[in-house]
Amino acid sequence: MAVKIRMTRTGANRDISFRIVATDGRAPRDGETLENLGWYDPKKKGVNYLLKMDRIEYWQGKGAQASDTVRSLIRKARAAAKTA
């Protein structure tokens, strides 16, 4: 099973938000997930995401591949952790 770290869509039509999840790569976007790893709200100002970095590193250690958008959020979270 190829595990992916990607976003799943939540919220109403004009109020979209996303969950960051670990899931089987063959599963549909909003299908069954293995673990919830955080959230992302593109409409929120300031810090608009929360990631469980320890769990993300665990899944990446097991071979999970992050999507491009999630990889960008991980990069931002690591940069913010360095400055804090």
PDB file of N, CA and C in Angstrom:
ATOM      1  N   MET A   1       0.848  -1.177   0.000  1.00  0.00           N
ATOM      2  CA  MET A   1       0.000   0.000   0.000  1.00  0.00           C
ATOM      3  C   MET A   1       0.894   1.242   0.000  1.00  0.00           C
ATOM      4  N   ALA A   2       0.710   2.116  -0.968  1.00  0.00           N
ATOM      5  CA  ALA A   2       1.458   3.360  -1.053  1.00  0.00           C
ATOM      6  C   ALA A   2       0.710   4.447  -0.290  1.00  0.00           C
ATOM      7  N   VAL A   3       1.313   4.927   0.790  1.00  0.00           N
ATOM      8  CA  VAL A   3       0.666   5.933   1.626  1.00  0.00           C
ATOM      9  C   VAL A   3       1.014   7.312   1.098  1.00  0.00           C
ATOM     10  N   LYS A   4       0.018   8.188   1.048  1.00  0.00           N
ATOM     11  CA  LYS A   4       0.190   9.568   0.631  1.00  0.00           C
ATOM     12  C   LYS A   4      -0.224  10.480   1.770  1.00  0.00           C
ATOM     13  N   ILE A   5       0.427  11.619   1.890  1.00  0.00           N
ATOM     14  CA  ILE A   5       0.005  12.667   2.802  1.00  0.00           C
ATOM     15  C   ILE A   5      -0.562  13.758   1.918  1.00  0.00           C
ATOM     16  N   ARG A   6      -1.866  13.967   2.029  1.00  0.00           N
ATOM     17  CA  ARG A   6      -2.522  14.927   1.138  1.00  0.00           C
ATOM     18  C   ARG A   6      -3.694  15.579   1.843  1.00  0.00           C
ATOM     19  N   MET A   7      -4.369  16.477   1.133  1.00  0.00           N
ATOM     20  CA  MET A   7      -5.488  17.209   1.708  1.00  0.00           C
ATOM     21  C   MET A   7      -6.808  16.564   1.308  1.00  0.00           C
ATOM     22  N   THR A   8      -7.769  16.621   2.225  1.00  0.00           N
ATOM     23  CA  THR A   8      -9.125  16.218   1.943  1.00  0.00           C
ATOM     24  C   THR A   8     -10.019  17.425   2.213  1.00  0.00           C
ATOM     25  N   ARG A   9     -10.993  17.635   1.373  1.00  0.00           N
ATOM     26  CA  ARG A   9     -11.805  18.847   1.427  1.00  0.00           C
ATOM     27  C   ARG A   9     -12.920  18.715   2.460  1.00  0.00           C
ATOM     28  N   THR A  10     -13.124  19.774   3.232  1.00  0.00           N
ATOM     29  CA  THR A  10     -14.226  19.855   4.170  1.00  0.00           C
ATOM     30  C   THR A  10     -14.862  21.230   4.033  1.00  0.00           C
ATOM     31  N   GLY A  11     -15.995  21.443   4.673  1.00  0.00           N
ATOM     32  CA  GLY A  11     -16.642  22.744   4.663  1.00  0.00           C
ATOM     33  C   GLY A  11     -17.692  22.866   3.577  1.00  0.00           C
ATOM     34  N   ALA A  12     -18.372  24.000   3.564  1.00  0.00           N
ATOM     35  CA  ALA A  12     -19.447  24.270   2.620  1.00  0.00           C
ATOM     36  C   ALA A  12     -18.890  24.782   1.293  1.00  0.00           C
ATOM     37  N   ASN A  13     -19.764  24.991   0.329  1.00  0.00           N
ATOM     38  CA  ASN A  13     -19.335  25.388  -1.011  1.00  0.00           C
ATOM     39  C   ASN A  13     -18.496  26.655  -1.022  1.00  0.00           C
ATOM     40  N   ARG A  14     -18.921  27.679  -0.322  1.00  0.00           N
ATOM     41  CA  ARG A  14     -18.174  28.938  -0.338  1.00  0.00           C
ATOM     42  C   ARG A  14     -17.338  29.150   0.923  1.00  0.00           C
ATOM     43  N   ASP A  15     -17.191  28.130   1.704  1.00  0.00           N
ATOM     44  CA  ASP A  15     -16.403  28.197   2.933  1.00  0.00           C
ATOM     45  C   ASP A  15     -15.542  26.941   3.037  1.00  0.00           C
ATOM     46  N   ILE A  16     -14.610  26.789   2.110  1.00  0.00           N
ATOM     47  CA  ILE A  16     -13.803  25.585   1.992  1.00  0.00           C
ATOM     48  C   ILE A  16     -12.673  25.591   3.019  1.00  0.00           C
ATOM     49  N   SER A  17     -12.429  24.441   3.602  1.00  0.00           N
ATOM     50  CA  SER A  17     -11.244  24.212   4.415  1.00  0.00           C
ATOM     51  C   SER A  17     -10.768  22.792   4.123  1.00  0.00           C
ATOM     52  N   PHE A  18      -9.594  22.463   4.590  1.00  0.00           N
ATOM     53  CA  PHE A  18      -9.002  21.173   4.267  1.00  0.00           C
ATOM     54  C   PHE A  18      -8.443  20.511   5.518  1.00  0.00           C
ATOM     55  N   ARG A  19      -8.420  19.201   5.528  1.00  0.00           N
ATOM     56  CA  ARG A  19      -7.718  18.412   6.526  1.00  0.00           C
ATOM     57  C   ARG A  19      -6.494  17.802   5.855  1.00  0.00           C
ATOM     58  N   ILE A  20      -5.397  17.750   6.581  1.00  0.00           N
ATOM     59  CA  ILE A  20      -4.193  17.079   6.095  1.00  0.00           C
ATOM     60  C   ILE A  20      -4.264  15.656   6.652  1.00  0.00           C
ATOM     61  N   VAL A  21      -4.216  14.663   5.770  1.00  0.00           N
ATOM     62  CA  VAL A  21      -4.414  13.282   6.194  1.00  0.00           C
ATOM     63  C   VAL A  21      -3.365  12.362   5.572  1.00  0.00           C
ATOM     64  N   ALA A  22      -3.157  11.233   6.236  1.00  0.00           N
ATOM     65  CA  ALA A  22      -2.385  10.129   5.664  1.00  0.00           C
ATOM     66  C   ALA A  22      -3.406   9.130   5.141  1.00  0.00           C
ATOM     67  N   THR A  23      -3.280   8.748   3.879  1.00  0.00           N
ATOM     68  CA  THR A  23      -4.259   7.860   3.264  1.00  0.00           C
ATOM     69  C   THR A  23      -3.595   6.972   2.227  1.00  0.00           C
ATOM     70  N   ASP A  24      -4.287   5.918   1.859  1.00  0.00           N
ATOM     71  CA  ASP A  24      -3.835   5.045   0.784  1.00  0.00           C
ATOM     72  C   ASP A  24      -3.888   5.864  -0.512  1.00  0.00           C
ATOM     73  N   GLY A  25      -2.857   5.808  -1.293  1.00  0.00           N
ATOM     74  CA  GLY A  25      -2.786   6.595  -2.521  1.00  0.00           C
ATOM     75  C   GLY A  25      -3.868   6.268  -3.534  1.00  0.00           C
ATOM     76  N   ARG A  26      -4.449   5.069  -3.450  1.00  0.00           N
ATOM     77  CA  ARG A  26      -5.498   4.673  -4.394  1.00  0.00           C
ATOM     78  C   ARG A  26      -6.887   5.103  -3.951  1.00  0.00           C
ATOM     79  N   ALA A  27      -7.018   5.582  -2.721  1.00  0.00           N
ATOM     80  CA  ALA A  27      -8.322   5.982  -2.182  1.00  0.00           C
ATOM     81  C   ALA A  27      -8.774   7.300  -2.818  1.00  0.00           C
ATOM     82  N   PRO A  28     -10.095   7.544  -2.925  1.00  0.00           N
ATOM     83  CA  PRO A  28     -10.572   8.819  -3.446  1.00  0.00           C
ATOM     84  C   PRO A  28     -10.216   9.969  -2.499  1.00  0.00           C
ATOM     85  N   ARG A  29     -10.276  11.183  -2.999  1.00  0.00           N
ATOM     86  CA  ARG A  29      -9.862  12.362  -2.242  1.00  0.00           C
ATOM     87  C   ARG A  29     -10.529  12.438  -0.874  1.00  0.00           C
ATOM     88  N   ASP A  30     -11.831  12.251  -0.820  1.00  0.00           N
ATOM     89  CA  ASP A  30     -12.555  12.355   0.443  1.00  0.00           C
ATOM     90  C   ASP A  30     -12.903  10.977   1.008  1.00  0.00           C
ATOM     91  N   GLY A  31     -12.151   9.964   0.627  1.00  0.00           N
ATOM     92  CA  GLY A  31     -12.406   8.602   1.074  1.00  0.00           C
ATOM     93  C   GLY A  31     -11.831   8.325   2.453  1.00  0.00           C
ATOM     94  N   GLU A  32     -11.688   7.046   2.747  1.00  0.00           N
ATOM     95  CA  GLU A  32     -11.196   6.613   4.053  1.00  0.00           C
ATOM     96  C   GLU A  32      -9.747   7.056   4.258  1.00  0.00           C
ATOM     97  N   THR A  33      -9.435   7.479   5.481  1.00  0.00           N
ATOM     98  CA  THR A  33      -8.091   7.942   5.802  1.00  0.00           C
ATOM     99  C   THR A  33      -7.485   7.058   6.883  1.00  0.00           C
ATOM    100  N   LEU A  34      -6.170   7.058   6.967  1.00  0.00           N
ATOM    101  CA  LEU A  34      -5.473   6.319   8.006  1.00  0.00           C
ATOM    102  C   LEU A  34      -5.322   7.150   9.273  1.00  0.00           C
ATOM    103  N   GLU A  35      -5.011   8.447   9.100  1.00  0.00           N
ATOM    104  CA  GLU A  35      -4.816   9.320  10.258  1.00  0.00           C
ATOM    105  C   GLU A  35      -4.972  10.779   9.854  1.00  0.00           C
ATOM    106  N   ASN A  36      -5.571  11.573  10.749  1.00  0.00           N
ATOM    107  CA  ASN A  36      -5.704  13.006  10.558  1.00  0.00           C
ATOM    108  C   ASN A  36      -4.427  13.664  11.099  1.00  0.00           C
ATOM    109  N   LEU A  37      -3.752  14.463  10.247  1.00  0.00           N
ATOM    110  CA  LEU A  37      -2.461  15.041  10.609  1.00  0.00           C
ATOM    111  C   LEU A  37      -2.491  16.551  10.796  1.00  0.00           C
ATOM    112  N   GLY A  38      -3.629  17.186  10.572  1.00  0.00           N
ATOM    113  CA  GLY A  38      -3.711  18.626  10.748  1.00  0.00           C
ATOM    114  C   GLY A  38      -4.809  19.218   9.891  1.00  0.00           C
ATOM    115  N   TRP A  39      -4.796  20.550   9.765  1.00  0.00           N
ATOM    116  CA  TRP A  39      -5.797  21.249   8.952  1.00  0.00           C
ATOM    117  C   TRP A  39      -5.168  22.447   8.254  1.00  0.00           C
ATOM    118  N   TYR A  40      -5.894  22.944   7.246  1.00  0.00           N
ATOM    119  CA  TYR A  40      -5.476  24.127   6.469  1.00  0.00           C
ATOM    120  C   TYR A  40      -6.726  24.887   6.072  1.00  0.00           C
ATOM    121  N   ASP A  41      -6.769  26.191   6.382  1.00  0.00           N
ATOM    122  CA  ASP A  41      -7.908  27.039   6.047  1.00  0.00           C
ATOM    123  C   ASP A  41      -7.412  28.202   5.196  1.00  0.00           C
ATOM    124  N   PRO A  42      -7.583  28.143   3.870  1.00  0.00           N
ATOM    125  CA  PRO A  42      -7.013  29.170   2.994  1.00  0.00           C
ATOM    126  C   PRO A  42      -7.632  30.552   3.168  1.00  0.00           C
ATOM    127  N   LYS A  43      -8.807  30.677   3.752  1.00  0.00           N
ATOM    128  CA  LYS A  43      -9.448  31.986   3.921  1.00  0.00           C
ATOM    129  C   LYS A  43      -9.019  32.696   5.198  1.00  0.00           C
ATOM    130  N   LYS A  44      -8.426  31.974   6.116  1.00  0.00           N
ATOM    131  CA  LYS A  44      -8.037  32.543   7.399  1.00  0.00           C
ATOM    132  C   LYS A  44      -6.786  33.401   7.228  1.00  0.00           C
ATOM    133  N   LYS A  45      -6.728  34.515   7.912  1.00  0.00           N
ATOM    134  CA  LYS A  45      -5.566  35.408   7.860  1.00  0.00           C
ATOM    135  C   LYS A  45      -4.525  34.966   8.880  1.00  0.00           C
ATOM    136  N   GLY A  46      -3.281  35.259   8.625  1.00  0.00           N
ATOM    137  CA  GLY A  46      -2.203  34.893   9.539  1.00  0.00           C
ATOM    138  C   GLY A  46      -1.850  33.424   9.408  1.00  0.00           C
ATOM    139  N   VAL A  47      -1.655  32.775  10.539  1.00  0.00           N
ATOM    140  CA  VAL A  47      -1.332  31.339  10.538  1.00  0.00           C
ATOM    141  C   VAL A  47      -2.614  30.589  10.223  1.00  0.00           C
ATOM    142  N   ASN A  48      -2.676  29.997   9.026  1.00  0.00           N
ATOM    143  CA  ASN A  48      -3.905  29.346   8.565  1.00  0.00           C
ATOM    144  C   ASN A  48      -3.763  27.837   8.459  1.00  0.00           C
ATOM    145  N   TYR A  49      -2.855  27.256   9.248  1.00  0.00           N
ATOM    146  CA  TYR A  49      -2.664  25.809   9.213  1.00  0.00           C
ATOM    147  C   TYR A  49      -2.189  25.328  10.577  1.00  0.00           C
ATOM    148  N   LEU A  50      -2.376  24.048  10.833  1.00  0.00           N
ATOM    149  CA  LEU A  50      -1.848  23.382  12.016  1.00  0.00           C
ATOM    150  C   LEU A  50      -1.454  21.982  11.598  1.00  0.00           C
ATOM    151  N   LEU A  51      -0.205  21.632  11.835  1.00  0.00           N
ATOM    152  CA  LEU A  51       0.305  20.320  11.430  1.00  0.00           C
ATOM    153  C   LEU A  51       0.875  19.585  12.635  1.00  0.00           C
ATOM    154  N   LYS A  52       0.623  18.292  12.721  1.00  0.00           N
ATOM    155  CA  LYS A  52       1.237  17.434  13.731  1.00  0.00           C
ATOM    156  C   LYS A  52       2.540  16.931  13.132  1.00  0.00           C
ATOM    157  N   MET A  53       3.603  17.711  13.329  1.00  0.00           N
ATOM    158  CA  MET A  53       4.867  17.425  12.659  1.00  0.00           C
ATOM    159  C   MET A  53       5.465  16.083  13.090  1.00  0.00           C
ATOM    160  N   ASP A  54       5.282  15.679  14.340  1.00  0.00           N
ATOM    161  CA  ASP A  54       5.833  14.392  14.766  1.00  0.00           C
ATOM    162  C   ASP A  54       5.180  13.241  14.017  1.00  0.00           C
ATOM    163  N   ARG A  55       3.883  13.312  13.781  1.00  0.00           N
ATOM    164  CA  ARG A  55       3.181  12.253  13.054  1.00  0.00           C
ATOM    165  C   ARG A  55       3.503  12.300  11.561  1.00  0.00           C
ATOM    166  N   ILE A  56       3.680  13.502  11.015  1.00  0.00           N
ATOM    167  CA  ILE A  56       4.057  13.625   9.604  1.00  0.00           C
ATOM    168  C   ILE A  56       5.437  13.007   9.390  1.00  0.00           C
ATOM    169  N   GLU A  57       6.375  13.292  10.289  1.00  0.00           N
ATOM    170  CA  GLU A  57       7.710  12.701  10.183  1.00  0.00           C
ATOM    171  C   GLU A  57       7.655  11.184  10.342  1.00  0.00           C
ATOM    172  N   TYR A  58       6.768  10.691  11.205  1.00  0.00           N
ATOM    173  CA  TYR A  58       6.590   9.251  11.353  1.00  0.00           C
ATOM    174  C   TYR A  58       6.165   8.627  10.027  1.00  0.00           C
ATOM    175  N   TRP A  59       5.136   9.200   9.394  1.00  0.00           N
ATOM    176  CA  TRP A  59       4.631   8.636   8.138  1.00  0.00           C
ATOM    177  C   TRP A  59       5.665   8.760   7.023  1.00  0.00           C
ATOM    178  N   GLN A  60       6.384   9.870   6.976  1.00  0.00           N
ATOM    179  CA  GLN A  60       7.429  10.003   5.965  1.00  0.00           C
ATOM    180  C   GLN A  60       8.549   9.007   6.208  1.00  0.00           C
ATOM    181  N   GLY A  61       8.829   8.691   7.457  1.00  0.00           N
ATOM    182  CA  GLY A  61       9.807   7.671   7.777  1.00  0.00           C
ATOM    183  C   GLY A  61       9.378   6.288   7.306  1.00  0.00           C
ATOM    184  N   LYS A  62       8.072   6.070   7.211  1.00  0.00           N
ATOM    185  CA  LYS A  62       7.524   4.802   6.722  1.00  0.00           C
ATOM    186  C   LYS A  62       7.404   4.786   5.198  1.00  0.00           C
ATOM    187  N   GLY A  63       7.784   5.908   4.538  1.00  0.00           N
ATOM    188  CA  GLY A  63       7.784   5.948   3.082  1.00  0.00           C
ATOM    189  C   GLY A  63       6.643   6.732   2.452  1.00  0.00           C
ATOM    190  N   ALA A  64       5.845   7.420   3.255  1.00  0.00           N
ATOM    191  CA  ALA A  64       4.723   8.199   2.711  1.00  0.00           C
ATOM    192  C   ALA A  64       5.250   9.397   1.911  1.00  0.00           C
ATOM    193  N   GLN A  65       4.565   9.684   0.816  1.00  0.00           N
ATOM    194  CA  GLN A  65       4.918  10.815  -0.039  1.00  0.00           C
ATOM    195  C   GLN A  65       3.899  11.936   0.167  1.00  0.00           C
ATOM    196  N   ALA A  66       4.361  13.160   0.385  1.00  0.00           N
ATOM    197  CA  ALA A  66       3.476  14.307   0.564  1.00  0.00           C
ATOM    198  C   ALA A  66       3.158  14.924  -0.796  1.00  0.00           C
ATOM    199  N   SER A  67       1.934  15.431  -0.935  1.00  0.00           N
ATOM    200  CA  SER A  67       1.562  16.138  -2.161  1.00  0.00           C
ATOM    201  C   SER A  67       2.321  17.465  -2.206  1.00  0.00           C
ATOM    202  N   ASP A  68       2.301  18.130  -3.350  1.00  0.00           N
ATOM    203  CA  ASP A  68       3.043  19.385  -3.511  1.00  0.00           C
ATOM    204  C   ASP A  68       2.572  20.447  -2.516  1.00  0.00           C
ATOM    205  N   THR A  69       1.264  20.600  -2.354  1.00  0.00           N
ATOM    206  CA  THR A  69       0.715  21.608  -1.453  1.00  0.00           C
ATOM    207  C   THR A  69       1.065  21.291  -0.010  1.00  0.00           C
ATOM    208  N   VAL A  70       0.945  20.053   0.376  1.00  0.00           N
ATOM    209  CA  VAL A  70       1.282  19.658   1.743  1.00  0.00           C
ATOM    210  C   VAL A  70       2.773  19.834   1.982  1.00  0.00           C
ATOM    211  N   ARG A  71       3.583  19.524   1.000  1.00  0.00           N
ATOM    212  CA  ARG A  71       5.030  19.718   1.119  1.00  0.00           C
ATOM    213  C   ARG A  71       5.343  21.197   1.360  1.00  0.00           C
ATOM    214  N   SER A  72       4.620  22.083   0.710  1.00  0.00           N
ATOM    215  CA  SER A  72       4.799  23.517   0.914  1.00  0.00           C
ATOM    216  C   SER A  72       4.415  23.924   2.338  1.00  0.00           C
ATOM    217  N   LEU A  73       3.322  23.382   2.855  1.00  0.00           N
ATOM    218  CA  LEU A  73       2.909  23.683   4.225  1.00  0.00           C
ATOM    219  C   LEU A  73       3.925  23.153   5.238  1.00  0.00           C
ATOM    220  N   ILE A  74       4.478  21.975   4.983  1.00  0.00           N
ATOM    221  CA  ILE A  74       5.494  21.405   5.871  1.00  0.00           C
ATOM    222  C   ILE A  74       6.718  22.308   5.889  1.00  0.00           C
ATOM    223  N   ARG A  75       7.113  22.800   4.722  1.00  0.00           N
ATOM    224  CA  ARG A  75       8.263  23.701   4.627  1.00  0.00           C
ATOM    225  C   ARG A  75       8.017  24.973   5.439  1.00  0.00           C
ATOM    226  N   LYS A  76       6.794  25.540   5.337  1.00  0.00           N
ATOM    227  CA  LYS A  76       6.443  26.742   6.098  1.00  0.00           C
ATOM    228  C   LYS A  76       6.460  26.472   7.595  1.00  0.00           C
ATOM    229  N   ALA A  77       5.943  25.310   8.014  1.00  0.00           N
ATOM    230  CA  ALA A  77       5.900  24.984   9.440  1.00  0.00           C
ATOM    231  C   ALA A  77       7.308  24.814   9.991  1.00  0.00           C
ATOM    232  N   ARG A  78       8.202  24.187   9.241  1.00  0.00           N
ATOM    233  CA  ARG A  78       9.578  24.009   9.702  1.00  0.00           C
ATOM    234  C   ARG A  78      10.302  25.353   9.797  1.00  0.00           C
ATOM    235  N   ALA A  79      10.054  26.245   8.843  1.00  0.00           N
ATOM    236  CA  ALA A  79      10.672  27.571   8.880  1.00  0.00           C
ATOM    237  C   ALA A  79      10.161  28.365  10.076  1.00  0.00           C
ATOM    238  N   ALA A  80       8.872  28.257  10.388  1.00  0.00           N
ATOM    239  CA  ALA A  80       8.295  28.963  11.524  1.00  0.00           C
ATOM    240  C   ALA A  80       8.838  28.407  12.841  1.00  0.00           C
ATOM    241  N   ALA A  81       9.086  27.105  12.898  1.00  0.00           N
ATOM    242  CA  ALA A  81       9.627  26.495  14.105  1.00  0.00           C
ATOM    243  C   ALA A  81      11.066  26.942  14.358  1.00  0.00           C
ATOM    244  N   LYS A  82      11.819  27.170  13.287  1.00  0.00           N
ATOM    245  CA  LYS A  82      13.211  27.617  13.443  1.00  0.00           C
ATOM    246  C   LYS A  82      13.279  29.032  14.003  1.00  0.00           C
ATOM    247  N   THR A  83      12.361  29.913  13.592  1.00  0.00           N
ATOM    248  CA  THR A  83      12.377  31.298  14.038  1.00  0.00           C
ATOM    249  C   THR A  83      11.763  31.459  15.423  1.00  0.00           C
ATOM    250  N   ALA A  84      10.979  30.492  15.858  1.00  0.00           N
ATOM    251  CA  ALA A  84      10.324  30.612  17.177  1.00  0.00           C
ATOM    252  C   ALA A  84      11.245  30.208  18.294  1.00  0.00           C
TER     253      ALA A  84
END
